Amino acid sequence: MRRPLWLLTCLSALGVTLTGCTLFSDPNTLTPTTADIAQWRNQAGLTVSPRDLTRPEPMALVRFKGLQATNKSQACQVPVPVGVAEKSVKVYWDGECAKGWATGLGRALVLGPDTHLEAITIFEPEHPNAARVAVIRDVKRQETFRGTVSPDRLVGEKETLVEANGDAFRDFTLRLNEGNVLYEATRSTMTPTEVTTHVVDGRVEVHHEHDADGQGADDVTDLYWYGPNSRLTENVPFRVTRHGREKTYVRQNGTVRPVTMPPEVNFWAPMDRLLAEASVPLNEAQTARDAAKRLEADYLSQLARQDRAVPKGLDRQTFLGILDYAKTFEAKEALTQMKLRKEREEALLRMAKLRALRAEEAAQRAWENRAWFYRSPFTRCYQTSNGLFCTPW
């Protein structure tokens, strides 16, 4: 779905505008009672701290099953996710084999009637379920994961190629998933908005949107809220930071109202702590992604030099298709980016014209509100530092 240019238009979903519209539909500030704050905390899921949750044993994110590589005459099991291995698929491996398992750097292709998965990785023959750096691509869904994979832990970044409404763009999700905890940060080439979430036991504890659609730091907007629902959910306060100023709002009976929290209530302290906590695993996800990118570049350079033979039984086009993956998409994406740049430039121009108009109106009002020293039916005068200044009436 196409995303709006947040900072260059009215934030209509909130009833907000940043360029001359009314800020919120109800200008009356709400001062919450103790009961209001307790209700908000309960609604946002803050009655139990994530630190106090009884964490279950880490759940299995994926289990692997060995499938014999179709193109190998000797025993050569390739670890494949159990859900995929149970389908009618064939596995091809272009690397070496040892002790009955795929080993070393290579690419596994898993092909079936509705399946086309490819994984660039380094296998250890005696540890098929060991954590490993990998680039895993679902060609049919146009999704690529780059990071570290193990049965109980997934850390890295997922890239999705999206074509919708004539546009082509990429969505990225940094992720660390372990046990009942999930950290995510999403971004898209369609919008400069970055979203960070911290999920514990299936609940969204923290949601942070960072929008830098303008041309400088003054055009950055940050929105924060707690709980599993939208910031527009009834009785879930959200925080807006812009131009270095921070404000809290809440939606009640369909109306978004500004909130003045009592000074003794630090409603946002748990959020700030959780966001700080989230930065550590998300940095780890970036590190894992970058390691996978280096592995991918190493493998693709070998493939481009024709250092790897086409596996027996696999056609050359399918095997080498990875070199041209996304080439057609990238041409469409370039057109989309060109259109987005034009839209943003036009929006910035509209903002500049609006600001100039508002400045002109303010100057006119200031002129009309001057303390006139003398008026007549034909002339009006006022005192300046340079003497009396008169102008036709």
Protein backbone atom coordinates (compact mmCIF):
# COMPACT_ATOMS: atom_id res chain seq x y z
CA MET A 1 0.00 0.00 0.00
CA ARG A 2 1.29 3.48 -0.88
CA ARG A 3 2.30 5.44 2.20
CA PRO A 4 1.65 9.21 2.58
CA LEU A 5 4.26 11.95 2.83
CA TRP A 6 3.70 12.58 6.52
CA LEU A 7 5.45 15.82 7.17
CA LEU A 8 4.51 17.52 3.95
CA THR A 9 0.75 17.14 4.29
CA CYS A 10 -1.80 17.16 7.07
CA LEU A 11 -1.64 14.10 9.30
CA SER A 12 -5.26 13.47 8.56
CA ALA A 13 -5.41 10.19 10.41
CA LEU A 14 -4.70 12.06 13.64
CA GLY A 15 -6.58 15.18 12.71
CA VAL A 16 -3.16 16.88 12.70
CA THR A 17 -1.64 19.29 10.25
CA LEU A 18 1.84 20.62 10.21
CA THR A 19 1.27 23.28 7.58
CA GLY A 20 -1.56 25.47 8.64
CA CYS A 21 -4.41 23.14 9.60
CA THR A 22 -5.89 22.88 13.07
CA LEU A 23 -3.63 20.83 15.30
CA PHE A 24 -6.29 18.60 16.80
CA SER A 25 -10.04 18.40 16.58
CA ASP A 26 -10.48 19.28 20.28
CA PRO A 27 -8.20 22.10 21.51
CA ASN A 28 -9.12 21.54 25.18
CA THR A 29 -6.25 20.09 27.17
CA LEU A 30 -7.05 17.11 29.37
CA THR A 31 -5.52 16.80 32.83
CA PRO A 32 -5.91 13.10 33.73
CA THR A 33 -6.91 11.82 37.14
CA THR A 34 -5.20 8.95 38.92
CA ALA A 35 -8.02 6.70 37.70
CA ASP A 36 -7.48 7.87 34.09
CA ILE A 37 -3.78 7.07 34.27
CA ALA A 38 -4.45 3.64 35.80
CA GLN A 39 -6.94 2.90 33.00
CA TRP A 40 -4.43 4.01 30.35
CA ARG A 41 -1.71 1.83 31.83
CA ASN A 42 -4.03 -1.16 31.83
CA GLN A 43 -5.22 -0.47 28.28
CA ALA A 44 -1.61 -0.19 27.08
CA GLY A 45 -0.58 -3.43 28.79
CA LEU A 46 1.71 -1.69 31.26
CA THR A 47 0.31 -3.31 34.37
CA VAL A 48 2.96 -6.04 34.06
CA SER A 49 6.55 -5.13 33.32
CA PRO A 50 8.26 -7.25 30.65
CA ARG A 51 11.03 -7.85 33.19
CA ASP A 52 8.50 -9.53 35.50
CA LEU A 53 7.09 -11.92 32.92
CA THR A 54 7.73 -15.60 33.49
CA ARG A 55 9.55 -16.45 30.28
CA PRO A 56 8.88 -19.90 28.86
CA GLU A 57 11.57 -22.08 27.38
CA PRO A 58 12.74 -20.64 24.04
CA MET A 59 10.33 -21.77 21.36
CA ALA A 60 11.66 -23.47 18.23
CA LEU A 61 11.49 -20.98 15.37
CA VAL A 62 12.50 -23.55 12.77
CA ARG A 63 13.70 -27.14 12.75
CA PHE A 64 15.74 -28.63 9.94
CA LYS A 65 15.51 -31.99 8.25
CA GLY A 66 18.18 -33.45 5.97
CA LEU A 67 17.20 -34.11 2.34
CA GLN A 68 19.47 -35.86 -0.12
CA ALA A 69 20.84 -33.49 -2.78
CA THR A 70 19.36 -34.61 -6.10
CA ASN A 71 22.53 -33.76 -8.02
CA LYS A 72 24.91 -35.74 -5.78
CA SER A 73 25.65 -39.43 -6.30
CA GLN A 74 27.19 -39.83 -2.83
CA ALA A 75 25.28 -39.36 0.40
CA CYS A 76 24.84 -35.60 0.82
CA GLN A 77 22.08 -34.44 3.15
CA VAL A 78 21.12 -30.76 2.94
CA PRO A 79 19.41 -29.20 6.00
CA VAL A 80 15.97 -27.95 4.92
CA PRO A 81 13.22 -26.48 7.16
CA VAL A 82 10.87 -29.28 8.20
CA GLY A 83 7.78 -27.57 6.76
CA VAL A 84 9.46 -27.31 3.36
CA ALA A 85 11.05 -30.77 3.48
CA GLU A 86 7.62 -32.36 3.87
CA LYS A 87 6.52 -30.95 0.51
CA SER A 88 7.19 -32.50 -2.87
CA VAL A 89 10.53 -30.81 -3.49
CA LYS A 90 13.97 -31.52 -4.90
CA VAL A 91 17.17 -30.13 -3.39
CA TYR A 92 20.27 -29.16 -5.32
CA TRP A 93 23.61 -28.29 -3.70
CA ASP A 94 26.53 -26.74 -5.57
CA GLY A 95 29.07 -27.14 -2.77
CA GLU A 96 31.06 -30.02 -1.32
CA CYS A 97 29.89 -32.99 0.74
CA ALA A 98 31.51 -34.66 3.75
CA LYS A 99 30.38 -37.32 6.21
CA GLY A 100 27.04 -37.60 4.41
CA TRP A 101 26.20 -33.89 4.70
CA ALA A 102 26.58 -30.72 2.64
CA THR A 103 29.64 -28.85 3.82
CA GLY A 104 31.40 -25.54 3.28
CA LEU A 105 30.26 -22.51 1.28
CA GLY A 106 27.59 -23.14 -1.32
CA ARG A 107 24.02 -22.58 -2.39
CA ALA A 108 21.10 -24.89 -1.83
CA LEU A 109 18.15 -24.66 -4.22
CA VAL A 110 14.88 -26.17 -3.05
CA LEU A 111 12.44 -26.51 -5.95
CA GLY A 112 8.88 -27.78 -6.17
CA PRO A 113 5.52 -27.02 -7.80
CA ASP A 114 4.92 -24.07 -5.46
CA THR A 115 8.39 -23.72 -3.96
CA HIS A 116 11.55 -21.90 -5.01
CA LEU A 117 13.89 -21.32 -2.11
CA GLU A 118 17.60 -20.58 -2.31
CA ALA A 119 20.08 -20.41 0.57
CA ILE A 120 23.70 -19.24 0.44
CA THR A 121 25.46 -20.44 3.58
CA ILE A 122 28.33 -22.40 5.09
CA PHE A 123 27.31 -25.82 6.42
CA GLU A 124 29.10 -27.79 9.11
CA PRO A 125 28.55 -31.50 8.35
CA GLU A 126 28.50 -32.62 11.97
CA HIS A 127 26.24 -29.79 13.14
CA PRO A 128 23.36 -29.36 10.66
CA ASN A 129 21.29 -27.41 13.22
CA ALA A 130 24.12 -25.12 14.33
CA ALA A 131 23.70 -21.36 14.07
CA ARG A 132 25.03 -20.17 10.73
CA VAL A 133 25.22 -17.05 8.64
CA ALA A 134 22.88 -17.35 5.69
CA VAL A 135 21.16 -15.56 2.84
CA ILE A 136 17.77 -17.23 2.35
CA ARG A 137 15.60 -16.17 -0.56
CA ASP A 138 12.00 -17.07 -1.33
CA VAL A 139 11.97 -16.29 -5.05
CA LYS A 140 8.19 -16.64 -5.46
CA ARG A 141 7.44 -14.28 -2.58
CA GLN A 142 10.37 -11.99 -3.43
CA GLU A 143 11.64 -12.10 0.15
CA THR A 144 15.28 -12.35 1.20
CA PHE A 145 16.57 -12.87 4.74
CA ARG A 146 20.19 -11.98 5.54
CA GLY A 147 21.49 -12.85 8.96
CA THR A 148 22.11 -15.71 11.38
CA VAL A 149 19.76 -18.69 11.57
CA SER A 150 19.40 -21.39 14.22
CA PRO A 151 16.44 -23.47 15.45
CA ASP A 152 15.82 -21.20 18.44
CA ARG A 153 17.07 -17.82 17.26
CA LEU A 154 16.68 -15.64 14.20
CA VAL A 155 18.64 -12.40 13.88
CA GLY A 156 19.15 -10.26 10.78
CA GLU A 157 17.13 -8.37 8.19
CA LYS A 158 14.36 -9.36 5.81
CA GLU A 159 14.07 -7.55 2.48
CA THR A 160 10.81 -7.70 0.52
CA LEU A 161 10.36 -6.50 -3.06
CA VAL A 162 6.90 -4.95 -3.39
CA GLU A 163 4.99 -3.95 -6.51
CA ALA A 164 1.67 -2.18 -5.85
CA ASN A 165 -0.42 0.43 -7.63
CA GLY A 166 2.21 0.86 -10.31
CA ASP A 167 5.00 1.50 -7.79
CA ALA A 168 8.00 -0.68 -6.96
CA PHE A 169 9.71 -0.38 -3.58
CA ARG A 170 11.52 -2.38 -0.91
CA ASP A 171 10.47 -3.05 2.66
CA PHE A 172 13.16 -3.89 5.20
CA THR A 173 12.66 -5.45 8.65
CA LEU A 174 15.52 -5.75 11.11
CA ARG A 175 14.62 -8.54 13.51
CA LEU A 176 15.83 -10.44 16.53
CA ASN A 177 13.47 -13.24 17.50
CA GLU A 178 14.34 -15.38 20.50
CA GLY A 179 12.01 -17.23 22.84
CA ASN A 180 8.99 -15.04 23.56
CA VAL A 181 10.78 -11.79 22.71
CA LEU A 182 10.75 -10.08 19.32
CA TYR A 183 12.46 -6.83 18.38
CA GLU A 184 11.73 -5.28 14.99
CA ALA A 185 12.59 -2.10 13.13
CA THR A 186 10.97 -1.61 9.73
CA ARG A 187 11.64 0.87 6.96
CA SER A 188 10.70 1.24 3.31
CA THR A 189 12.06 2.96 0.23
CA MET A 190 8.54 4.36 -0.24
CA THR A 191 8.75 6.47 2.90
CA PRO A 192 11.41 7.68 5.32
CA THR A 193 9.35 6.44 8.27
CA GLU A 194 11.15 3.90 10.47
CA VAL A 195 9.12 1.85 12.94
CA THR A 196 10.64 0.14 15.99
CA THR A 197 8.63 -2.37 18.01
CA HIS A 198 9.42 -4.40 21.11
CA VAL A 199 7.19 -7.44 21.53
CA VAL A 200 7.02 -9.64 24.61
CA ASP A 201 4.85 -12.74 24.68
CA GLY A 202 2.87 -11.60 21.65
CA ARG A 203 2.18 -8.09 22.96
CA VAL A 204 3.57 -4.92 21.41
CA GLU A 205 5.10 -3.19 24.41
CA VAL A 206 6.60 -0.25 22.53
CA HIS A 207 5.89 1.28 19.18
CA HIS A 208 8.06 4.13 17.84
CA GLU A 209 7.68 5.81 14.46
CA HIS A 210 10.55 8.00 13.30
CA ASP A 211 9.66 10.14 10.28
CA ALA A 212 12.33 12.27 8.63
CA ASP A 213 10.58 13.26 5.43
CA GLY A 214 11.79 16.85 5.48
CA GLN A 215 15.09 18.32 4.50
CA GLY A 216 16.60 18.83 7.94
CA ALA A 217 16.49 17.92 11.60
CA ASP A 218 13.64 20.37 12.21
CA ASP A 219 11.41 18.29 9.96
CA VAL A 220 11.72 15.12 12.04
CA THR A 221 8.64 13.78 13.80
CA ASP A 222 8.68 10.96 16.35
CA LEU A 223 5.54 9.20 17.55
CA TYR A 224 5.52 6.77 20.46
CA TRP A 225 2.83 4.62 22.00
CA TYR A 226 2.36 1.55 24.15
CA GLY A 227 0.26 -1.52 23.66
CA PRO A 228 -0.70 -3.87 20.83
CA ASN A 229 -2.99 -1.48 18.97
CA SER A 230 -2.81 1.67 16.89
CA ARG A 231 -2.01 5.03 18.40
CA LEU A 232 -5.63 5.90 17.52
CA THR A 233 -7.02 3.27 19.88
CA GLU A 234 -9.29 4.76 22.52
CA ASN A 235 -7.55 5.61 25.80
CA VAL A 236 -4.03 4.73 24.63
CA PRO A 237 -1.96 7.90 25.01
CA PHE A 238 0.71 8.59 22.42
CA ARG A 239 3.64 10.99 22.44
CA VAL A 240 4.66 13.31 19.62
CA THR A 241 8.11 14.91 19.46
CA ARG A 242 8.74 17.62 16.87
CA HIS A 243 11.03 20.65 16.75
CA GLY A 244 12.46 19.46 20.05
CA ARG A 245 9.07 19.78 21.75
CA GLU A 246 7.28 16.84 23.30
CA LYS A 247 3.51 16.54 23.72
CA THR A 248 1.17 13.78 24.86
CA TYR A 249 -2.26 13.11 23.35
CA VAL A 250 -5.07 10.63 23.85
CA ARG A 251 -8.07 9.66 21.78
CA GLN A 252 -11.38 9.71 23.64
CA ASN A 253 -14.78 9.23 22.02
CA GLY A 254 -13.26 9.70 18.61
CA THR A 255 -11.54 12.98 19.54
CA VAL A 256 -7.78 13.38 19.95
CA ARG A 257 -6.99 15.68 22.88
CA PRO A 258 -3.75 17.12 24.25
CA VAL A 259 -2.82 15.82 27.69
CA THR A 260 -0.97 17.49 30.55
CA MET A 261 0.43 14.74 32.74
CA PRO A 262 0.84 15.48 36.47
CA PRO A 263 4.52 16.24 37.16
CA GLU A 264 4.82 13.28 39.53
CA VAL A 265 3.69 10.83 36.82
CA ASN A 266 6.46 9.76 34.46
CA PHE A 267 4.18 7.88 32.09
CA TRP A 268 6.82 7.45 29.38
CA ALA A 269 9.70 6.18 31.53
CA PRO A 270 9.04 2.46 30.79
CA MET A 271 8.93 3.24 27.06
CA ASP A 272 12.24 5.07 27.10
CA ARG A 273 13.81 2.12 28.93
CA LEU A 274 12.39 -0.42 26.47
CA LEU A 275 13.53 1.60 23.46
CA ALA A 276 17.01 1.75 24.94
CA GLU A 277 16.87 -2.02 25.44
CA ALA A 278 15.73 -2.51 21.83
CA SER A 279 18.76 -0.71 20.43
CA VAL A 280 21.08 -3.54 21.55
CA PRO A 281 19.41 -6.45 19.70
CA LEU A 282 18.70 -4.28 16.67
CA ASN A 283 22.39 -3.39 16.45
CA GLU A 284 23.10 -7.12 16.64
CA ALA A 285 20.66 -7.68 13.78
CA GLN A 286 22.52 -5.12 11.67
CA THR A 287 25.82 -6.86 12.39
CA ALA A 288 24.35 -10.25 11.40
CA ARG A 289 22.88 -8.75 8.22
CA ASP A 290 26.21 -7.22 7.23
CA ALA A 291 28.02 -10.54 7.76
CA ALA A 292 25.46 -12.24 5.50
CA LYS A 293 25.95 -9.55 2.85
CA ARG A 294 29.68 -10.24 2.81
CA LEU A 295 29.04 -13.97 2.43
CA GLU A 296 26.59 -13.26 -0.40
CA ALA A 297 29.07 -11.01 -2.21
CA ASP A 298 31.79 -13.66 -1.91
CA TYR A 299 29.54 -16.37 -3.35
CA LEU A 300 28.15 -14.20 -6.18
CA SER A 301 31.66 -13.19 -7.24
CA GLN A 302 32.55 -16.88 -7.56
CA LEU A 303 29.40 -17.49 -9.57
CA ALA A 304 30.09 -14.55 -11.89
CA ARG A 305 33.60 -15.90 -12.53
CA GLN A 306 32.02 -19.25 -13.42
CA ASP A 307 33.94 -20.94 -10.62
CA ARG A 308 30.86 -23.02 -9.84
CA ALA A 309 29.45 -25.71 -12.14
CA VAL A 310 25.73 -25.98 -12.81
CA PRO A 311 24.42 -28.85 -10.63
CA LYS A 312 23.48 -31.98 -12.56
CA GLY A 313 19.78 -32.03 -13.43
CA LEU A 314 19.34 -28.26 -12.96
CA ASP A 315 18.98 -25.94 -15.95
CA ARG A 316 21.50 -23.16 -16.38
CA GLN A 317 18.89 -20.37 -16.39
CA THR A 318 17.52 -21.36 -12.99
CA PHE A 319 20.99 -21.76 -11.53
CA LEU A 320 22.33 -18.41 -12.78
CA GLY A 321 19.06 -16.54 -12.27
CA ILE A 322 20.36 -15.24 -8.95
CA LEU A 323 22.76 -12.96 -10.83
CA ASP A 324 19.86 -11.17 -12.52
CA TYR A 325 17.47 -11.36 -9.57
CA ALA A 326 15.56 -8.08 -9.17
CA LYS A 327 17.05 -6.53 -12.32
CA THR A 328 13.61 -5.89 -13.85
CA PHE A 329 12.33 -4.77 -10.47
CA GLU A 330 15.20 -2.31 -10.05
CA ALA A 331 14.22 -0.54 -13.29
CA LYS A 332 10.66 -0.08 -11.98
CA GLU A 333 12.01 0.96 -8.59
CA ALA A 334 14.14 3.69 -10.18
CA LEU A 335 11.00 5.17 -11.80
CA THR A 336 9.18 5.07 -8.46
CA GLN A 337 12.04 6.85 -6.70
CA MET A 338 12.09 9.51 -9.42
CA LYS A 339 8.37 10.08 -8.94
CA LEU A 340 8.75 10.24 -5.15
CA ARG A 341 11.53 12.83 -5.41
CA LYS A 342 9.35 14.96 -7.66
CA GLU A 343 6.40 14.68 -5.27
CA ARG A 344 8.56 15.66 -2.30
CA GLU A 345 10.07 18.60 -4.15
CA GLU A 346 6.58 19.80 -5.08
CA ALA A 347 5.39 19.35 -1.50
CA LEU A 348 8.38 21.28 -0.15
CA LEU A 349 7.66 24.06 -2.65
CA ARG A 350 4.05 24.19 -1.49
CA MET A 351 5.26 24.42 2.12
CA ALA A 352 7.66 27.24 1.23
CA LYS A 353 4.87 29.17 -0.54
CA LEU A 354 2.55 28.63 2.41
CA ARG A 355 5.19 29.84 4.87
CA ALA A 356 5.83 32.92 2.71
CA LEU A 357 2.09 33.62 2.55
CA ARG A 358 1.73 33.25 6.32
CA ALA A 359 4.71 35.57 6.86
CA GLU A 360 3.17 38.12 4.51
CA GLU A 361 -0.16 37.89 6.34
CA ALA A 362 1.59 38.31 9.70
CA ALA A 363 3.43 41.37 8.41
CA GLN A 364 0.16 42.82 7.13
CA ARG A 365 -1.52 42.27 10.48
CA ALA A 366 1.43 43.87 12.26
CA TRP A 367 1.17 46.86 9.93
CA GLU A 368 -2.54 47.24 10.53
CA ASN A 369 -2.10 46.96 14.29
CA ARG A 370 0.52 49.73 14.58
CA ALA A 371 -0.19 52.54 17.04
CA TRP A 372 -0.95 55.40 14.67
CA PHE A 373 0.32 58.82 15.74
CA TYR A 374 -2.03 60.78 13.50
CA ARG A 375 -4.95 59.98 11.21
CA SER A 376 -6.97 62.13 8.83
CA PRO A 377 -9.50 61.28 6.11
CA PHE A 378 -6.61 61.18 3.64
CA THR A 379 -3.42 60.41 5.58
CA ARG A 380 -2.22 58.33 8.54
CA CYS A 381 1.11 58.83 10.27
CA TYR A 382 3.12 57.17 13.02
CA GLN A 383 6.30 57.95 14.85
CA THR A 384 9.48 56.05 13.92
CA SER A 385 13.08 56.38 15.05
CA ASN A 386 13.68 58.42 11.93
CA GLY A 387 10.79 60.77 12.51
CA LEU A 388 7.16 60.93 11.45
CA PHE A 389 6.18 58.49 8.71
CA CYS A 390 2.96 59.12 6.74
CA THR A 391 1.16 57.06 4.15
CA PRO A 392 -2.04 57.59 2.12
CA TRP A 393 -5.13 56.34 3.90
